[in-house]
Amino acid sequence: RDVVVPLFEANGLIAGATGMGKSYSARLLLMGAALDPNVTILVHNLKGGPDYKAFGPVAHTLRAGSSPADVEALIADLAWVQTEIGRRGKVLENLPSVRVPEGKLTPQVAAEAGMGPVVLLVDEAQRAFTSRDGKRIATMLEDVVRTGRAVGVSVHLVTQGAKEGSIPSGIMDQLPRRIGHGVTTISDANLILGSDAHGRALRAVDIDAPGIA
């Protein structure tokens, strides 16, 4: 069944057991984002490896690994995004209401220089929060997911760490668009897809094939 994902309207989470196709789904989202010539793509693949290597020609940041240098690069991008959110907010504030009727970024304004969408994708995101700078990253990322959407910034986290607390609750609460690959327990499915997902017939525990979500 085809699923339409409006990329720049909500933050999202892709989660499931190892080897079930999470990075495949993430690449599909990034390919959709890359079709917009105005987009800024920031990819931090904390598990390492070549999964996102093909995005080298279009990504503004492409990191693979969770070394101290890779974690510092993620912090630097988060700091830039926070500054960018503030700058864009000022731009929108100074535009006439007829151009931003809801006070949020519109496609017309997004087409202007410096106002294109920003997509931040972090794979194996739980590693960021267990690093030496985990608390700092959690604080910065929660600020971004709470304030960025209105100015064209969207965040997508990929994780197999579906256990309680792997992703801080303040961040999880701001990730309404969920893609659930196969998991082994109902509790994991509910954490990924929302409270009582299993009771609402969202049965990620029944998925046993990679690439299905």
C-alpha atoms as a PDB file:
ATOM      1  CA  ARG A   1       0.000   0.000   0.000  1.00  0.00           C
ATOM      2  CA  ASP A   2       1.420   3.347  -1.026  1.00  0.00           C
ATOM      3  CA  VAL A   3       2.091   5.752   1.826  1.00  0.00           C
ATOM      4  CA  VAL A   4       2.463   9.475   1.196  1.00  0.00           C
ATOM      5  CA  VAL A   5       4.851  11.252   3.575  1.00  0.00           C
ATOM      6  CA  PRO A   6       4.788  15.094   3.505  1.00  0.00           C
ATOM      7  CA  LEU A   7       8.436  15.464   4.511  1.00  0.00           C
ATOM      8  CA  PHE A   8       8.566  19.047   5.645  1.00  0.00           C
ATOM      9  CA  GLU A   9       5.445  19.142   7.799  1.00  0.00           C
ATOM     10  CA  ALA A  10       6.382  16.934  10.741  1.00  0.00           C
ATOM     11  CA  ASN A  11       9.284  15.305  12.539  1.00  0.00           C
ATOM     12  CA  GLY A  12       9.492  11.539  12.376  1.00  0.00           C
ATOM     13  CA  LEU A  13      10.829   8.290  13.788  1.00  0.00           C
ATOM     14  CA  ILE A  14      11.865   5.123  11.955  1.00  0.00           C
ATOM     15  CA  ALA A  15      12.371   2.177  14.291  1.00  0.00           C
ATOM     16  CA  GLY A  16      12.425  -1.596  14.422  1.00  0.00           C
ATOM     17  CA  ALA A  17      14.638  -4.587  15.039  1.00  0.00           C
ATOM     18  CA  THR A  18      18.078  -4.867  13.495  1.00  0.00           C
ATOM     19  CA  GLY A  19      18.171  -5.822   9.811  1.00  0.00           C
ATOM     20  CA  MET A  20      14.506  -5.032   9.162  1.00  0.00           C
ATOM     21  CA  GLY A  21      15.030  -2.183   6.682  1.00  0.00           C
ATOM     22  CA  LYS A  22      15.086   1.016   8.736  1.00  0.00           C
ATOM     23  CA  SER A  23      17.932   2.585   6.776  1.00  0.00           C
ATOM     24  CA  TYR A  24      16.183   1.586   3.538  1.00  0.00           C
ATOM     25  CA  SER A  25      13.128   3.607   4.607  1.00  0.00           C
ATOM     26  CA  ALA A  26      15.374   6.490   5.644  1.00  0.00           C
ATOM     27  CA  ARG A  27      17.042   6.525   2.227  1.00  0.00           C
ATOM     28  CA  LEU A  28      13.639   6.690   0.531  1.00  0.00           C
ATOM     29  CA  LEU A  29      12.773   9.764   2.606  1.00  0.00           C
ATOM     30  CA  LEU A  30      16.091  11.394   1.768  1.00  0.00           C
ATOM     31  CA  MET A  31      15.638  10.702  -1.960  1.00  0.00           C
ATOM     32  CA  GLY A  32      12.279  12.448  -1.793  1.00  0.00           C
ATOM     33  CA  ALA A  33      13.804  15.398   0.043  1.00  0.00           C
ATOM     34  CA  ALA A  34      16.683  15.644  -2.436  1.00  0.00           C
ATOM     35  CA  LEU A  35      14.219  16.259  -5.279  1.00  0.00           C
ATOM     36  CA  ASP A  36      13.776  19.784  -3.881  1.00  0.00           C
ATOM     37  CA  PRO A  37      16.711  21.851  -5.180  1.00  0.00           C
ATOM     38  CA  ASN A  38      16.377  24.236  -2.220  1.00  0.00           C
ATOM     39  CA  VAL A  39      16.716  21.592   0.503  1.00  0.00           C
ATOM     40  CA  THR A  40      19.605  21.344   2.956  1.00  0.00           C
ATOM     41  CA  ILE A  41      20.265  17.702   3.887  1.00  0.00           C
ATOM     42  CA  LEU A  42      22.212  16.833   7.044  1.00  0.00           C
ATOM     43  CA  VAL A  43      22.937  13.118   7.512  1.00  0.00           C
ATOM     44  CA  HIS A  44      24.576  11.688  10.627  1.00  0.00           C
ATOM     45  CA  ASN A  45      24.891   7.899  10.364  1.00  0.00           C
ATOM     46  CA  LEU A  46      26.106   7.045  13.857  1.00  0.00           C
ATOM     47  CA  LYS A  47      26.349   3.333  13.121  1.00  0.00           C
ATOM     48  CA  GLY A  48      28.946   3.945  10.416  1.00  0.00           C
ATOM     49  CA  GLY A  49      29.149   2.158   7.092  1.00  0.00           C
ATOM     50  CA  PRO A  50      28.227   3.097   3.516  1.00  0.00           C
ATOM     51  CA  ASP A  51      24.404   3.141   3.819  1.00  0.00           C
ATOM     52  CA  TYR A  52      24.164   6.845   2.898  1.00  0.00           C
ATOM     53  CA  LYS A  53      27.283   7.189   0.758  1.00  0.00           C
ATOM     54  CA  ALA A  54      25.219   7.784  -2.391  1.00  0.00           C
ATOM     55  CA  PHE A  55      23.962  11.076  -0.913  1.00  0.00           C
ATOM     56  CA  GLY A  56      27.469  12.551  -0.933  1.00  0.00           C
ATOM     57  CA  PRO A  57      26.822  14.737  -4.004  1.00  0.00           C
ATOM     58  CA  VAL A  58      23.686  16.346  -2.507  1.00  0.00           C
ATOM     59  CA  ALA A  59      24.081  16.253   1.267  1.00  0.00           C
ATOM     60  CA  HIS A  60      25.485  19.331   3.002  1.00  0.00           C
ATOM     61  CA  THR A  61      26.650  17.088   5.870  1.00  0.00           C
ATOM     62  CA  LEU A  62      27.372  13.366   5.520  1.00  0.00           C
ATOM     63  CA  ARG A  63      28.996  11.659   8.502  1.00  0.00           C
ATOM     64  CA  ALA A  64      29.389   7.933   9.187  1.00  0.00           C
ATOM     65  CA  GLY A  65      30.465   6.731  12.619  1.00  0.00           C
ATOM     66  CA  SER A  66      30.126   7.657  16.280  1.00  0.00           C
ATOM     67  CA  SER A  67      33.683   8.709  17.111  1.00  0.00           C
ATOM     68  CA  PRO A  68      34.203  11.853  19.219  1.00  0.00           C
ATOM     69  CA  ALA A  69      34.756  13.774  15.979  1.00  0.00           C
ATOM     70  CA  ASP A  70      31.458  12.489  14.557  1.00  0.00           C
ATOM     71  CA  VAL A  71      29.591  13.441  17.732  1.00  0.00           C
ATOM     72  CA  GLU A  72      31.171  16.906  17.609  1.00  0.00           C
ATOM     73  CA  ALA A  73      29.999  17.243  14.000  1.00  0.00           C
ATOM     74  CA  LEU A  74      26.429  16.427  15.102  1.00  0.00           C
ATOM     75  CA  ILE A  75      26.642  19.024  17.872  1.00  0.00           C
ATOM     76  CA  ALA A  76      27.932  21.595  15.365  1.00  0.00           C
ATOM     77  CA  ASP A  77      25.011  20.913  13.015  1.00  0.00           C
ATOM     78  CA  LEU A  78      22.505  21.147  15.882  1.00  0.00           C
ATOM     79  CA  ALA A  79      24.016  24.476  16.933  1.00  0.00           C
ATOM     80  CA  TRP A  80      23.756  25.739  13.350  1.00  0.00           C
ATOM     81  CA  VAL A  81      20.137  24.580  13.103  1.00  0.00           C
ATOM     82  CA  GLN A  82      19.261  26.364  16.347  1.00  0.00           C
ATOM     83  CA  THR A  83      20.803  29.584  15.014  1.00  0.00           C
ATOM     84  CA  GLU A  84      19.017  29.087  11.694  1.00  0.00           C
ATOM     85  CA  ILE A  85      15.660  28.628  13.429  1.00  0.00           C
ATOM     86  CA  GLY A  86      16.137  31.973  15.168  1.00  0.00           C
ATOM     87  CA  ARG A  87      17.191  33.717  11.950  1.00  0.00           C
ATOM     88  CA  ARG A  88      14.267  32.333   9.975  1.00  0.00           C
ATOM     89  CA  GLY A  89      11.868  33.297  12.729  1.00  0.00           C
ATOM     90  CA  LYS A  90      13.006  36.907  12.396  1.00  0.00           C
ATOM     91  CA  VAL A  91      12.591  36.786   8.623  1.00  0.00           C
ATOM     92  CA  LEU A  92       9.021  35.473   8.914  1.00  0.00           C
ATOM     93  CA  GLU A  93       8.240  38.002  11.638  1.00  0.00           C
ATOM     94  CA  ASN A  94       9.156  40.852   9.316  1.00  0.00           C
ATOM     95  CA  LEU A  95       7.129  39.609   6.339  1.00  0.00           C
ATOM     96  CA  PRO A  96       3.605  40.935   5.717  1.00  0.00           C
ATOM     97  CA  SER A  97       0.878  38.631   7.018  1.00  0.00           C
ATOM     98  CA  VAL A  98      -0.468  38.144   3.497  1.00  0.00           C
ATOM     99  CA  ARG A  99       2.755  36.220   2.697  1.00  0.00           C
ATOM    100  CA  VAL A 100       2.774  34.150   5.894  1.00  0.00           C
ATOM    101  CA  PRO A 101      -0.910  33.968   6.881  1.00  0.00           C
ATOM    102  CA  GLU A 102      -0.267  31.421   9.648  1.00  0.00           C
ATOM    103  CA  GLY A 103       3.146  32.740  10.635  1.00  0.00           C
ATOM    104  CA  LYS A 104       4.809  29.641   9.187  1.00  0.00           C
ATOM    105  CA  LEU A 105       7.050  28.951   6.218  1.00  0.00           C
ATOM    106  CA  THR A 106       5.131  28.673   2.943  1.00  0.00           C
ATOM    107  CA  PRO A 107       6.318  27.064  -0.314  1.00  0.00           C
ATOM    108  CA  GLN A 108       6.640  30.519  -1.855  1.00  0.00           C
ATOM    109  CA  VAL A 109       8.901  31.820   0.920  1.00  0.00           C
ATOM    110  CA  ALA A 110      10.819  28.506   1.021  1.00  0.00           C
ATOM    111  CA  ALA A 111      11.790  29.045  -2.615  1.00  0.00           C
ATOM    112  CA  GLU A 112      13.705  32.194  -1.652  1.00  0.00           C
ATOM    113  CA  ALA A 113      17.449  32.112  -0.982  1.00  0.00           C
ATOM    114  CA  GLY A 114      18.313  30.916   2.479  1.00  0.00           C
ATOM    115  CA  MET A 115      14.784  29.770   3.326  1.00  0.00           C
ATOM    116  CA  GLY A 116      14.670  26.284   1.790  1.00  0.00           C
ATOM    117  CA  PRO A 117      13.718  23.259   3.892  1.00  0.00           C
ATOM    118  CA  VAL A 118      16.268  21.635   6.194  1.00  0.00           C
ATOM    119  CA  VAL A 119      16.168  17.869   6.796  1.00  0.00           C
ATOM    120  CA  LEU A 120      18.265  16.412   9.609  1.00  0.00           C
ATOM    121  CA  LEU A 121      18.480  12.616   9.691  1.00  0.00           C
ATOM    122  CA  VAL A 122      20.270  10.740  12.481  1.00  0.00           C
ATOM    123  CA  ASP A 123      20.635   6.960  12.109  1.00  0.00           C
ATOM    124  CA  GLU A 124      21.188   4.849  15.253  1.00  0.00           C
ATOM    125  CA  ALA A 125      20.162   7.985  17.098  1.00  0.00           C
ATOM    126  CA  GLN A 126      20.264   6.290  20.502  1.00  0.00           C
ATOM    127  CA  ARG A 127      24.073   6.362  20.292  1.00  0.00           C
ATOM    128  CA  ALA A 128      24.013  10.149  20.456  1.00  0.00           C
ATOM    129  CA  PHE A 129      22.336  10.101  23.850  1.00  0.00           C
ATOM    130  CA  THR A 130      24.716   7.548  25.364  1.00  0.00           C
ATOM    131  CA  SER A 131      27.801   9.481  24.281  1.00  0.00           C
ATOM    132  CA  ARG A 132      29.808  11.685  26.627  1.00  0.00           C
ATOM    133  CA  ASP A 133      27.838  14.687  25.350  1.00  0.00           C
ATOM    134  CA  GLY A 134      24.478  12.889  25.448  1.00  0.00           C
ATOM    135  CA  LYS A 135      22.712  15.318  27.776  1.00  0.00           C
ATOM    136  CA  ARG A 136      23.832  18.303  25.721  1.00  0.00           C
ATOM    137  CA  ILE A 137      22.695  16.667  22.490  1.00  0.00           C
ATOM    138  CA  ALA A 138      19.330  15.758  24.019  1.00  0.00           C
ATOM    139  CA  THR A 139      18.753  19.351  25.126  1.00  0.00           C
ATOM    140  CA  MET A 140      19.695  20.771  21.739  1.00  0.00           C
ATOM    141  CA  LEU A 141      17.698  18.234  19.748  1.00  0.00           C
ATOM    142  CA  GLU A 142      14.583  18.687  21.874  1.00  0.00           C
ATOM    143  CA  ASP A 143      14.781  22.431  21.236  1.00  0.00           C
ATOM    144  CA  VAL A 144      15.074  21.806  17.482  1.00  0.00           C
ATOM    145  CA  VAL A 145      12.144  19.386  17.250  1.00  0.00           C
ATOM    146  CA  ARG A 146       9.966  21.746  19.293  1.00  0.00           C
ATOM    147  CA  THR A 147      10.724  24.931  17.362  1.00  0.00           C
ATOM    148  CA  GLY A 148      11.957  24.018  13.892  1.00  0.00           C
ATOM    149  CA  ARG A 149       8.881  22.792  12.078  1.00  0.00           C
ATOM    150  CA  ALA A 150       7.302  26.220  11.618  1.00  0.00           C
ATOM    151  CA  VAL A 151      10.402  27.500   9.816  1.00  0.00           C
ATOM    152  CA  GLY A 152      10.983  24.484   7.558  1.00  0.00           C
ATOM    153  CA  VAL A 153      13.262  22.323   9.722  1.00  0.00           C
ATOM    154  CA  SER A 154      12.327  18.640  10.061  1.00  0.00           C
ATOM    155  CA  VAL A 155      14.110  15.915  12.005  1.00  0.00           C
ATOM    156  CA  HIS A 156      13.951  12.175  11.341  1.00  0.00           C
ATOM    157  CA  LEU A 157      15.518   9.740  13.794  1.00  0.00           C
ATOM    158  CA  VAL A 158      16.326   6.127  12.976  1.00  0.00           C
ATOM    159  CA  THR A 159      16.825   3.674  15.831  1.00  0.00           C
ATOM    160  CA  GLN A 160      16.698   0.041  16.824  1.00  0.00           C
ATOM    161  CA  GLY A 161      16.847   1.209  20.432  1.00  0.00           C
ATOM    162  CA  ALA A 162      13.126   1.009  21.051  1.00  0.00           C
ATOM    163  CA  LYS A 163      13.425   0.403  24.782  1.00  0.00           C
ATOM    164  CA  GLU A 164      12.040   2.996  27.195  1.00  0.00           C
ATOM    165  CA  GLY A 165      14.456   5.904  27.448  1.00  0.00           C
ATOM    166  CA  SER A 166      16.593   5.076  24.400  1.00  0.00           C
ATOM    167  CA  ILE A 167      15.242   8.278  22.863  1.00  0.00           C
ATOM    168  CA  PRO A 168      14.441  10.887  25.559  1.00  0.00           C
ATOM    169  CA  SER A 169      10.693  11.287  26.075  1.00  0.00           C
ATOM    170  CA  GLY A 170      10.783  15.031  25.379  1.00  0.00           C
ATOM    171  CA  ILE A 171      12.069  14.238  21.886  1.00  0.00           C
ATOM    172  CA  MET A 172       9.863  11.194  21.274  1.00  0.00           C
ATOM    173  CA  ASP A 173       6.784  13.290  22.040  1.00  0.00           C
ATOM    174  CA  GLN A 174       7.685  15.623  19.151  1.00  0.00           C
ATOM    175  CA  LEU A 175       8.029  12.842  16.538  1.00  0.00           C
ATOM    176  CA  PRO A 176       4.442  12.285  15.399  1.00  0.00           C
ATOM    177  CA  ARG A 177       5.219  10.586  12.071  1.00  0.00           C
ATOM    178  CA  ARG A 178       6.182   7.003  12.884  1.00  0.00           C
ATOM    179  CA  ILE A 179       7.410   4.225  10.601  1.00  0.00           C
ATOM    180  CA  GLY A 180       7.559   0.873  12.375  1.00  0.00           C
ATOM    181  CA  HIS A 181       9.523  -2.051  10.998  1.00  0.00           C
ATOM    182  CA  GLY A 182       9.334  -5.507  12.528  1.00  0.00           C
ATOM    183  CA  VAL A 183       9.852  -5.931  16.276  1.00  0.00           C
ATOM    184  CA  THR A 184       9.549  -8.920  18.596  1.00  0.00           C
ATOM    185  CA  THR A 185       7.442  -7.565  21.471  1.00  0.00           C
ATOM    186  CA  ILE A 186       4.192  -5.648  21.799  1.00  0.00           C
ATOM    187  CA  SER A 187       5.823  -3.221  24.218  1.00  0.00           C
ATOM    188  CA  ASP A 188       8.423  -2.286  21.586  1.00  0.00           C
ATOM    189  CA  ALA A 189       5.683  -1.848  18.974  1.00  0.00           C
ATOM    190  CA  ASN A 190       3.766   0.459  21.305  1.00  0.00           C
ATOM    191  CA  LEU A 191       6.876   2.535  22.013  1.00  0.00           C
ATOM    192  CA  ILE A 192       7.568   2.947  18.306  1.00  0.00           C
ATOM    193  CA  LEU A 193       4.052   3.484  16.989  1.00  0.00           C
ATOM    194  CA  GLY A 194       2.373   5.080  19.979  1.00  0.00           C
ATOM    195  CA  SER A 195       0.500   3.965  23.056  1.00  0.00           C
ATOM    196  CA  ASP A 196      -1.664   0.869  22.480  1.00  0.00           C
ATOM    197  CA  ALA A 197      -0.583   0.601  18.844  1.00  0.00           C
ATOM    198  CA  HIS A 198      -1.181  -3.143  18.979  1.00  0.00           C
ATOM    199  CA  GLY A 199      -4.707  -2.575  20.254  1.00  0.00           C
ATOM    200  CA  ARG A 200      -5.303  -0.242  17.301  1.00  0.00           C
ATOM    201  CA  ALA A 201      -4.283  -3.049  14.909  1.00  0.00           C
ATOM    202  CA  LEU A 202      -0.824  -1.603  14.177  1.00  0.00           C
ATOM    203  CA  ARG A 203       0.880  -4.973  14.539  1.00  0.00           C
ATOM    204  CA  ALA A 204       4.597  -4.487  13.936  1.00  0.00           C
ATOM    205  CA  VAL A 205       5.144  -7.812  15.719  1.00  0.00           C
ATOM    206  CA  ASP A 206       3.631  -9.568  12.705  1.00  0.00           C
ATOM    207  CA  ILE A 207       6.267  -8.185  10.315  1.00  0.00           C
ATOM    208  CA  ASP A 208       8.976 -10.736   9.617  1.00  0.00           C
ATOM    209  CA  ALA A 209      10.378  -9.474   6.287  1.00  0.00           C
ATOM    210  CA  PRO A 210      12.952  -6.705   5.808  1.00  0.00           C
ATOM    211  CA  GLY A 211      11.731  -3.681   3.876  1.00  0.00           C
ATOM    212  CA  ILE A 212       8.151  -3.970   5.146  1.00  0.00           C
ATOM    213  CA  ALA A 213       6.875  -1.392   7.644  1.00  0.00           C
END
